[in-house]
Amino acid sequence: MTESLSPSLVLVPVDGSEESLTAVEYATTIADEYDARVHALYVVSEDVARAIDTGAVDDESVAADTEAFLEAVIALVDEAGVPLSTSMAYGFSTSQLSRHPGSVVLDTAEQLGADFVVVPRESLSGEADEVLAKAAEYVLLYASQPILSV
């Protein structure tokens, strides 16, 4: 019996940027082609995580922004008729130096059994808060799954 090379779960990390929404489009296309599911992982940036920890930003406003972005993701994936699941993770930790957005993406891929990852490339706008720009190279270097960087 041969193992299927078709993905059954495509992981796409997102951070609220336009680049990550583009990655969702690619992930959806791949999942649609192979009758796979998409899992969107919203990765919270270091600045936002620190602001929440210090109380400088209201976690309810962060939740509202995240929810609004994920609604756009849901609409995009639903339009293609592809099954979708979502989760959220902090890309950095103030107490764990080894916690990096790239390791968060790879750990989630392993936990979920994702067999394909679509990751946004570095932002063209150069916005410092776009956390996945920092994760892309790490994911490309260390992932055991096939990666598409868009």
N, C-alpha and C. Protein backbone atom coordinates (compact mmCIF):
# COMPACT_ATOMS: atom_id res chain seq x y z
N MET A 1 0.84 -1.17 0.00
CA MET A 1 0.00 0.00 0.00
C MET A 1 0.89 1.24 0.00
N THR A 2 0.63 2.17 -0.88
CA THR A 2 1.45 3.38 -0.96
C THR A 2 0.78 4.52 -0.21
N GLU A 3 1.62 5.36 0.36
CA GLU A 3 1.13 6.51 1.10
C GLU A 3 0.74 7.62 0.13
N SER A 4 -0.38 8.25 0.37
CA SER A 4 -0.85 9.33 -0.48
C SER A 4 0.02 10.57 -0.27
N LEU A 5 0.37 11.24 -1.36
CA LEU A 5 1.15 12.47 -1.28
C LEU A 5 0.25 13.69 -1.26
N SER A 6 -1.03 13.50 -1.32
CA SER A 6 -1.98 14.61 -1.29
C SER A 6 -2.16 15.09 0.14
N PRO A 7 -2.15 16.40 0.34
CA PRO A 7 -2.35 16.91 1.70
C PRO A 7 -3.80 16.73 2.14
N SER A 8 -3.98 16.47 3.44
CA SER A 8 -5.33 16.41 3.99
C SER A 8 -5.60 17.62 4.88
N LEU A 9 -4.53 18.28 5.36
CA LEU A 9 -4.67 19.48 6.17
C LEU A 9 -3.59 20.48 5.78
N VAL A 10 -4.03 21.66 5.38
CA VAL A 10 -3.12 22.73 4.99
C VAL A 10 -3.15 23.78 6.10
N LEU A 11 -2.00 24.01 6.72
CA LEU A 11 -1.88 25.03 7.78
C LEU A 11 -1.46 26.35 7.15
N VAL A 12 -2.15 27.41 7.54
CA VAL A 12 -1.77 28.74 7.07
C VAL A 12 -1.74 29.69 8.27
N PRO A 13 -0.53 30.10 8.67
CA PRO A 13 -0.44 31.08 9.75
C PRO A 13 -0.81 32.46 9.23
N VAL A 14 -1.54 33.22 10.04
CA VAL A 14 -1.98 34.56 9.66
C VAL A 14 -1.67 35.54 10.80
N ASP A 15 -1.56 36.82 10.44
CA ASP A 15 -1.27 37.83 11.45
C ASP A 15 -2.08 39.12 11.26
N GLY A 16 -3.08 39.06 10.41
CA GLY A 16 -3.90 40.24 10.18
C GLY A 16 -3.42 41.09 9.01
N SER A 17 -2.32 40.71 8.38
CA SER A 17 -1.77 41.48 7.27
C SER A 17 -2.40 41.06 5.94
N GLU A 18 -2.25 41.93 4.94
CA GLU A 18 -2.72 41.59 3.59
C GLU A 18 -1.97 40.37 3.05
N GLU A 19 -0.68 40.28 3.38
CA GLU A 19 0.12 39.15 2.91
C GLU A 19 -0.41 37.83 3.46
N SER A 20 -0.86 37.85 4.70
CA SER A 20 -1.38 36.60 5.25
C SER A 20 -2.74 36.25 4.65
N LEU A 21 -3.52 37.25 4.27
CA LEU A 21 -4.78 36.97 3.58
C LEU A 21 -4.51 36.35 2.20
N THR A 22 -3.46 36.82 1.54
CA THR A 22 -3.06 36.21 0.27
C THR A 22 -2.65 34.76 0.48
N ALA A 23 -1.94 34.48 1.57
CA ALA A 23 -1.55 33.10 1.89
C ALA A 23 -2.78 32.23 2.09
N VAL A 24 -3.83 32.79 2.70
CA VAL A 24 -5.09 32.04 2.88
C VAL A 24 -5.68 31.69 1.52
N GLU A 25 -5.61 32.59 0.57
CA GLU A 25 -6.12 32.31 -0.77
C GLU A 25 -5.38 31.12 -1.38
N TYR A 26 -4.06 31.11 -1.26
CA TYR A 26 -3.27 29.99 -1.80
C TYR A 26 -3.59 28.70 -1.06
N ALA A 27 -3.66 28.76 0.26
CA ALA A 27 -3.96 27.56 1.04
C ALA A 27 -5.32 26.99 0.66
N THR A 28 -6.28 27.88 0.44
CA THR A 28 -7.63 27.45 0.05
C THR A 28 -7.62 26.78 -1.32
N THR A 29 -6.87 27.34 -2.24
CA THR A 29 -6.77 26.75 -3.57
C THR A 29 -6.16 25.35 -3.52
N ILE A 30 -5.10 25.21 -2.72
CA ILE A 30 -4.46 23.90 -2.58
C ILE A 30 -5.42 22.91 -1.93
N ALA A 31 -6.06 23.34 -0.85
CA ALA A 31 -7.00 22.45 -0.15
C ALA A 31 -8.15 22.05 -1.06
N ASP A 32 -8.67 22.98 -1.84
CA ASP A 32 -9.76 22.69 -2.77
C ASP A 32 -9.32 21.66 -3.81
N GLU A 33 -8.12 21.82 -4.32
CA GLU A 33 -7.60 20.90 -5.34
C GLU A 33 -7.47 19.47 -4.81
N TYR A 34 -7.10 19.32 -3.55
CA TYR A 34 -6.83 18.00 -2.98
C TYR A 34 -7.87 17.53 -1.98
N ASP A 35 -9.04 18.17 -1.97
CA ASP A 35 -10.10 17.82 -1.01
C ASP A 35 -9.57 17.78 0.42
N ALA A 36 -8.79 18.79 0.75
CA ALA A 36 -8.19 18.89 2.08
C ALA A 36 -8.91 19.96 2.89
N ARG A 37 -8.52 20.06 4.15
CA ARG A 37 -9.03 21.09 5.05
C ARG A 37 -7.98 22.18 5.21
N VAL A 38 -8.41 23.36 5.64
CA VAL A 38 -7.50 24.46 5.95
C VAL A 38 -7.60 24.76 7.45
N HIS A 39 -6.46 24.99 8.07
CA HIS A 39 -6.44 25.48 9.45
C HIS A 39 -5.68 26.80 9.45
N ALA A 40 -6.38 27.87 9.86
CA ALA A 40 -5.77 29.19 9.95
C ALA A 40 -5.33 29.42 11.40
N LEU A 41 -4.03 29.64 11.58
CA LEU A 41 -3.46 29.90 12.90
C LEU A 41 -3.14 31.38 13.00
N TYR A 42 -3.89 32.10 13.84
CA TYR A 42 -3.62 33.52 14.03
C TYR A 42 -2.49 33.65 15.05
N VAL A 43 -1.37 34.24 14.63
CA VAL A 43 -0.19 34.37 15.48
C VAL A 43 -0.11 35.82 15.96
N VAL A 44 -0.17 35.98 17.28
CA VAL A 44 -0.13 37.31 17.91
C VAL A 44 1.32 37.77 17.99
N SER A 45 1.57 39.02 17.62
CA SER A 45 2.92 39.57 17.58
C SER A 45 3.48 39.84 18.97
N GLU A 46 4.80 40.02 19.02
CA GLU A 46 5.49 40.31 20.27
C GLU A 46 4.98 41.60 20.90
N ASP A 47 4.81 42.64 20.07
CA ASP A 47 4.34 43.93 20.59
C ASP A 47 2.96 43.81 21.22
N VAL A 48 2.08 43.10 20.57
CA VAL A 48 0.72 42.93 21.10
C VAL A 48 0.75 42.07 22.36
N ALA A 49 1.55 40.99 22.34
CA ALA A 49 1.64 40.12 23.52
C ALA A 49 2.16 40.90 24.72
N ARG A 50 3.18 41.72 24.52
CA ARG A 50 3.73 42.53 25.61
C ARG A 50 2.71 43.57 26.09
N ALA A 51 2.01 44.17 25.14
CA ALA A 51 1.02 45.19 25.50
C ALA A 51 -0.12 44.57 26.32
N ILE A 52 -0.52 43.37 25.98
CA ILE A 52 -1.56 42.68 26.74
C ILE A 52 -1.03 42.36 28.14
N ASP A 53 0.21 41.82 28.21
CA ASP A 53 0.81 41.46 29.50
C ASP A 53 0.94 42.65 30.44
N THR A 54 1.27 43.82 29.89
CA THR A 54 1.47 45.02 30.72
C THR A 54 0.20 45.81 30.92
N GLY A 55 -0.87 45.43 30.24
CA GLY A 55 -2.13 46.15 30.35
C GLY A 55 -2.18 47.42 29.52
N ALA A 56 -1.20 47.60 28.63
CA ALA A 56 -1.16 48.79 27.78
C ALA A 56 -2.22 48.77 26.69
N VAL A 57 -2.72 47.59 26.39
CA VAL A 57 -3.78 47.46 25.40
C VAL A 57 -4.86 46.55 25.98
N ASP A 58 -6.07 46.85 25.64
CA ASP A 58 -7.21 46.08 26.12
C ASP A 58 -7.30 44.79 25.32
N ASP A 59 -7.27 43.66 26.02
CA ASP A 59 -7.32 42.38 25.31
C ASP A 59 -8.63 42.19 24.56
N GLU A 60 -9.68 42.88 24.97
CA GLU A 60 -10.95 42.80 24.24
C GLU A 60 -10.85 43.46 22.87
N SER A 61 -10.08 44.54 22.77
CA SER A 61 -9.91 45.19 21.46
C SER A 61 -9.05 44.33 20.55
N VAL A 62 -8.05 43.67 21.12
CA VAL A 62 -7.23 42.74 20.33
C VAL A 62 -8.10 41.59 19.84
N ALA A 63 -8.94 41.07 20.72
CA ALA A 63 -9.84 39.98 20.34
C ALA A 63 -10.80 40.42 19.23
N ALA A 64 -11.30 41.64 19.32
CA ALA A 64 -12.22 42.15 18.29
C ALA A 64 -11.52 42.28 16.94
N ASP A 65 -10.28 42.81 16.95
CA ASP A 65 -9.52 42.93 15.70
C ASP A 65 -9.23 41.56 15.10
N THR A 66 -8.85 40.62 15.96
CA THR A 66 -8.55 39.27 15.51
C THR A 66 -9.80 38.62 14.93
N GLU A 67 -10.92 38.78 15.62
CA GLU A 67 -12.18 38.21 15.16
C GLU A 67 -12.59 38.78 13.80
N ALA A 68 -12.42 40.08 13.64
CA ALA A 68 -12.76 40.72 12.36
C ALA A 68 -11.91 40.16 11.22
N PHE A 69 -10.62 39.98 11.48
CA PHE A 69 -9.76 39.41 10.44
C PHE A 69 -10.14 37.97 10.14
N LEU A 70 -10.39 37.19 11.20
CA LEU A 70 -10.76 35.80 10.98
C LEU A 70 -12.10 35.66 10.26
N GLU A 71 -12.99 36.62 10.43
CA GLU A 71 -14.24 36.61 9.66
C GLU A 71 -13.95 36.75 8.17
N ALA A 72 -12.96 37.57 7.82
CA ALA A 72 -12.57 37.70 6.41
C ALA A 72 -11.98 36.38 5.90
N VAL A 73 -11.19 35.73 6.74
CA VAL A 73 -10.61 34.43 6.38
C VAL A 73 -11.73 33.41 6.17
N ILE A 74 -12.68 33.37 7.10
CA ILE A 74 -13.79 32.43 7.02
C ILE A 74 -14.59 32.65 5.73
N ALA A 75 -14.88 33.90 5.42
CA ALA A 75 -15.63 34.21 4.20
C ALA A 75 -14.89 33.74 2.95
N LEU A 76 -13.60 33.96 2.92
CA LEU A 76 -12.80 33.58 1.77
C LEU A 76 -12.77 32.07 1.58
N VAL A 77 -12.57 31.33 2.66
CA VAL A 77 -12.48 29.87 2.59
C VAL A 77 -13.86 29.26 2.34
N ASP A 78 -14.89 29.81 2.99
CA ASP A 78 -16.25 29.31 2.78
C ASP A 78 -16.69 29.45 1.33
N GLU A 79 -16.27 30.53 0.70
CA GLU A 79 -16.63 30.77 -0.70
C GLU A 79 -16.16 29.62 -1.60
N ALA A 80 -15.05 29.01 -1.23
CA ALA A 80 -14.52 27.89 -2.00
C ALA A 80 -15.11 26.55 -1.55
N GLY A 81 -15.87 26.56 -0.46
CA GLY A 81 -16.46 25.32 0.04
C GLY A 81 -15.46 24.39 0.70
N VAL A 82 -14.39 24.96 1.23
CA VAL A 82 -13.34 24.16 1.87
C VAL A 82 -13.56 24.18 3.38
N PRO A 83 -13.44 23.02 4.06
CA PRO A 83 -13.57 23.00 5.52
C PRO A 83 -12.46 23.81 6.18
N LEU A 84 -12.81 24.55 7.22
CA LEU A 84 -11.86 25.43 7.89
C LEU A 84 -11.95 25.28 9.40
N SER A 85 -10.79 25.29 10.04
CA SER A 85 -10.71 25.41 11.49
C SER A 85 -9.72 26.54 11.78
N THR A 86 -9.83 27.12 12.97
CA THR A 86 -8.96 28.23 13.33
C THR A 86 -8.45 28.06 14.76
N SER A 87 -7.34 28.71 15.04
CA SER A 87 -6.83 28.80 16.40
C SER A 87 -5.96 30.04 16.49
N MET A 88 -5.55 30.35 17.71
CA MET A 88 -4.76 31.55 17.95
C MET A 88 -3.62 31.19 18.88
N ALA A 89 -2.44 31.80 18.67
CA ALA A 89 -1.28 31.53 19.52
C ALA A 89 -0.43 32.78 19.62
N TYR A 90 0.23 32.92 20.76
CA TYR A 90 1.20 34.00 20.92
C TYR A 90 2.48 33.59 20.21
N GLY A 91 2.99 34.46 19.36
CA GLY A 91 4.22 34.18 18.64
C GLY A 91 5.46 34.41 19.47
N PHE A 92 5.31 35.04 20.61
CA PHE A 92 6.43 35.33 21.50
C PHE A 92 5.97 35.13 22.93
N SER A 93 6.91 34.95 23.80
CA SER A 93 6.61 34.85 25.21
C SER A 93 7.58 35.72 26.00
N THR A 94 7.07 36.39 27.02
CA THR A 94 7.94 37.18 27.88
C THR A 94 8.66 36.30 28.88
N SER A 95 8.25 35.03 29.01
CA SER A 95 8.88 34.13 29.97
C SER A 95 9.66 32.99 29.32
N GLN A 96 9.43 32.71 28.03
CA GLN A 96 10.13 31.64 27.33
C GLN A 96 10.93 32.22 26.18
N LEU A 97 12.25 32.25 26.32
CA LEU A 97 13.08 32.83 25.27
C LEU A 97 13.05 32.01 23.99
N SER A 98 12.78 30.72 24.09
CA SER A 98 12.79 29.87 22.91
C SER A 98 11.50 29.98 22.09
N ARG A 99 10.51 30.68 22.58
CA ARG A 99 9.25 30.80 21.85
C ARG A 99 9.39 31.86 20.77
N HIS A 100 9.29 31.43 19.56
CA HIS A 100 9.49 32.26 18.37
C HIS A 100 8.30 32.01 17.44
N PRO A 101 7.88 33.00 16.65
CA PRO A 101 6.73 32.75 15.78
C PRO A 101 6.91 31.55 14.85
N GLY A 102 8.13 31.33 14.39
CA GLY A 102 8.38 30.18 13.53
C GLY A 102 8.20 28.87 14.26
N SER A 103 8.67 28.81 15.51
CA SER A 103 8.50 27.57 16.28
C SER A 103 7.04 27.34 16.63
N VAL A 104 6.29 28.42 16.85
CA VAL A 104 4.86 28.30 17.12
C VAL A 104 4.15 27.68 15.92
N VAL A 105 4.50 28.14 14.72
CA VAL A 105 3.89 27.61 13.50
C VAL A 105 4.23 26.13 13.34
N LEU A 106 5.51 25.78 13.52
CA LEU A 106 5.92 24.39 13.33
C LEU A 106 5.35 23.48 14.41
N ASP A 107 5.29 23.96 15.65
CA ASP A 107 4.69 23.17 16.72
C ASP A 107 3.21 22.90 16.43
N THR A 108 2.51 23.91 15.95
CA THR A 108 1.09 23.75 15.61
C THR A 108 0.92 22.78 14.46
N ALA A 109 1.79 22.88 13.46
CA ALA A 109 1.73 21.94 12.32
C ALA A 109 1.87 20.50 12.80
N GLU A 110 2.80 20.27 13.72
CA GLU A 110 3.00 18.92 14.27
C GLU A 110 1.80 18.48 15.09
N GLN A 111 1.30 19.35 15.96
CA GLN A 111 0.16 19.00 16.82
C GLN A 111 -1.08 18.65 16.01
N LEU A 112 -1.31 19.39 14.93
CA LEU A 112 -2.51 19.17 14.12
C LEU A 112 -2.33 18.08 13.07
N GLY A 113 -1.10 17.68 12.84
CA GLY A 113 -0.84 16.70 11.78
C GLY A 113 -0.94 17.32 10.40
N ALA A 114 -0.65 18.61 10.30
CA ALA A 114 -0.70 19.29 9.00
C ALA A 114 0.37 18.70 8.08
N ASP A 115 0.01 18.47 6.84
CA ASP A 115 0.97 17.92 5.91
C ASP A 115 1.34 18.88 4.80
N PHE A 116 0.97 20.15 4.96
CA PHE A 116 1.37 21.20 4.02
C PHE A 116 1.20 22.53 4.75
N VAL A 117 2.14 23.45 4.53
CA VAL A 117 2.08 24.76 5.19
C VAL A 117 2.24 25.84 4.12
N VAL A 118 1.36 26.83 4.16
CA VAL A 118 1.48 28.00 3.29
C VAL A 118 1.79 29.18 4.20
N VAL A 119 2.94 29.80 4.01
CA VAL A 119 3.37 30.89 4.89
C VAL A 119 3.59 32.16 4.08
N PRO A 120 3.11 33.29 4.60
CA PRO A 120 3.34 34.56 3.91
C PRO A 120 4.82 34.94 3.95
N ARG A 121 5.29 35.53 2.87
CA ARG A 121 6.65 36.08 2.85
C ARG A 121 6.69 37.38 3.61
N GLU A 122 7.88 37.91 3.70
CA GLU A 122 8.07 39.19 4.37
C GLU A 122 7.19 40.25 3.73
N SER A 123 6.62 41.07 4.57
CA SER A 123 5.73 42.12 4.13
C SER A 123 6.43 43.11 3.22
N LEU A 124 5.74 43.53 2.19
CA LEU A 124 6.28 44.56 1.31
C LEU A 124 6.19 45.93 1.96
N SER A 125 5.27 46.08 2.91
CA SER A 125 5.09 47.37 3.56
C SER A 125 6.13 47.61 4.64
N GLY A 126 6.79 46.54 5.10
CA GLY A 126 7.81 46.69 6.13
C GLY A 126 7.26 46.99 7.50
N GLU A 127 5.97 46.74 7.72
CA GLU A 127 5.37 46.99 9.03
C GLU A 127 6.00 46.08 10.07
N ALA A 128 6.46 46.66 11.17
CA ALA A 128 7.15 45.91 12.21
C ALA A 128 6.23 44.94 12.93
N ASP A 129 4.92 45.21 12.93
CA ASP A 129 4.01 44.36 13.69
C ASP A 129 3.54 43.13 12.91
N GLU A 130 3.99 42.95 11.71
CA GLU A 130 3.59 41.80 10.93
C GLU A 130 4.50 40.63 11.30
N VAL A 131 4.05 39.88 12.27
CA VAL A 131 4.85 38.86 12.94
C VAL A 131 5.30 37.74 12.01
N LEU A 132 4.52 37.42 11.02
CA LEU A 132 4.86 36.27 10.19
C LEU A 132 6.04 36.52 9.27
N ALA A 133 6.37 37.78 9.03
CA ALA A 133 7.58 38.07 8.27
C ALA A 133 8.79 37.50 8.99
N LYS A 134 8.75 37.50 10.32
CA LYS A 134 9.85 36.97 11.13
C LYS A 134 9.84 35.44 11.15
N ALA A 135 8.71 34.85 10.88
CA ALA A 135 8.57 33.40 10.98
C ALA A 135 8.89 32.68 9.67
N ALA A 136 8.72 33.35 8.54
CA ALA A 136 8.80 32.68 7.24
C ALA A 136 10.13 31.97 7.03
N GLU A 137 11.24 32.64 7.27
CA GLU A 137 12.54 32.02 7.04
C GLU A 137 12.74 30.82 7.96
N TYR A 138 12.36 30.96 9.21
CA TYR A 138 12.48 29.88 10.18
C TYR A 138 11.68 28.65 9.72
N VAL A 139 10.45 28.89 9.30
CA VAL A 139 9.59 27.80 8.84
C VAL A 139 10.18 27.14 7.61
N LEU A 140 10.67 27.94 6.68
CA LEU A 140 11.28 27.39 5.47
C LEU A 140 12.50 26.52 5.79
N LEU A 141 13.28 26.92 6.80
CA LEU A 141 14.48 26.18 7.15
C LEU A 141 14.21 24.89 7.91
N TYR A 142 13.19 24.89 8.78
CA TYR A 142 13.05 23.78 9.73
C TYR A 142 11.81 22.91 9.57
N ALA A 143 10.94 23.23 8.68
CA ALA A 143 9.70 22.44 8.53
C ALA A 143 9.98 21.06 7.95
N SER A 144 9.24 20.08 8.44
CA SER A 144 9.32 18.74 7.86
C SER A 144 8.24 18.55 6.79
N GLN A 145 7.28 19.46 6.75
CA GLN A 145 6.21 19.40 5.76
C GLN A 145 6.64 20.22 4.52
N PRO A 146 6.01 19.95 3.39
CA PRO A 146 6.22 20.82 2.23
C PRO A 146 5.71 22.23 2.57
N ILE A 147 6.41 23.25 2.09
CA ILE A 147 6.09 24.64 2.38
C ILE A 147 5.91 25.39 1.08
N LEU A 148 4.91 26.26 1.05
CA LEU A 148 4.74 27.22 -0.03
C LEU A 148 4.83 28.59 0.61
N SER A 149 5.80 29.38 0.16
CA SER A 149 5.95 30.75 0.66
C SER A 149 5.41 31.70 -0.40
N VAL A 150 4.39 32.48 -0.02
CA VAL A 150 3.74 33.37 -0.98
C VAL A 150 3.81 34.81 -0.54
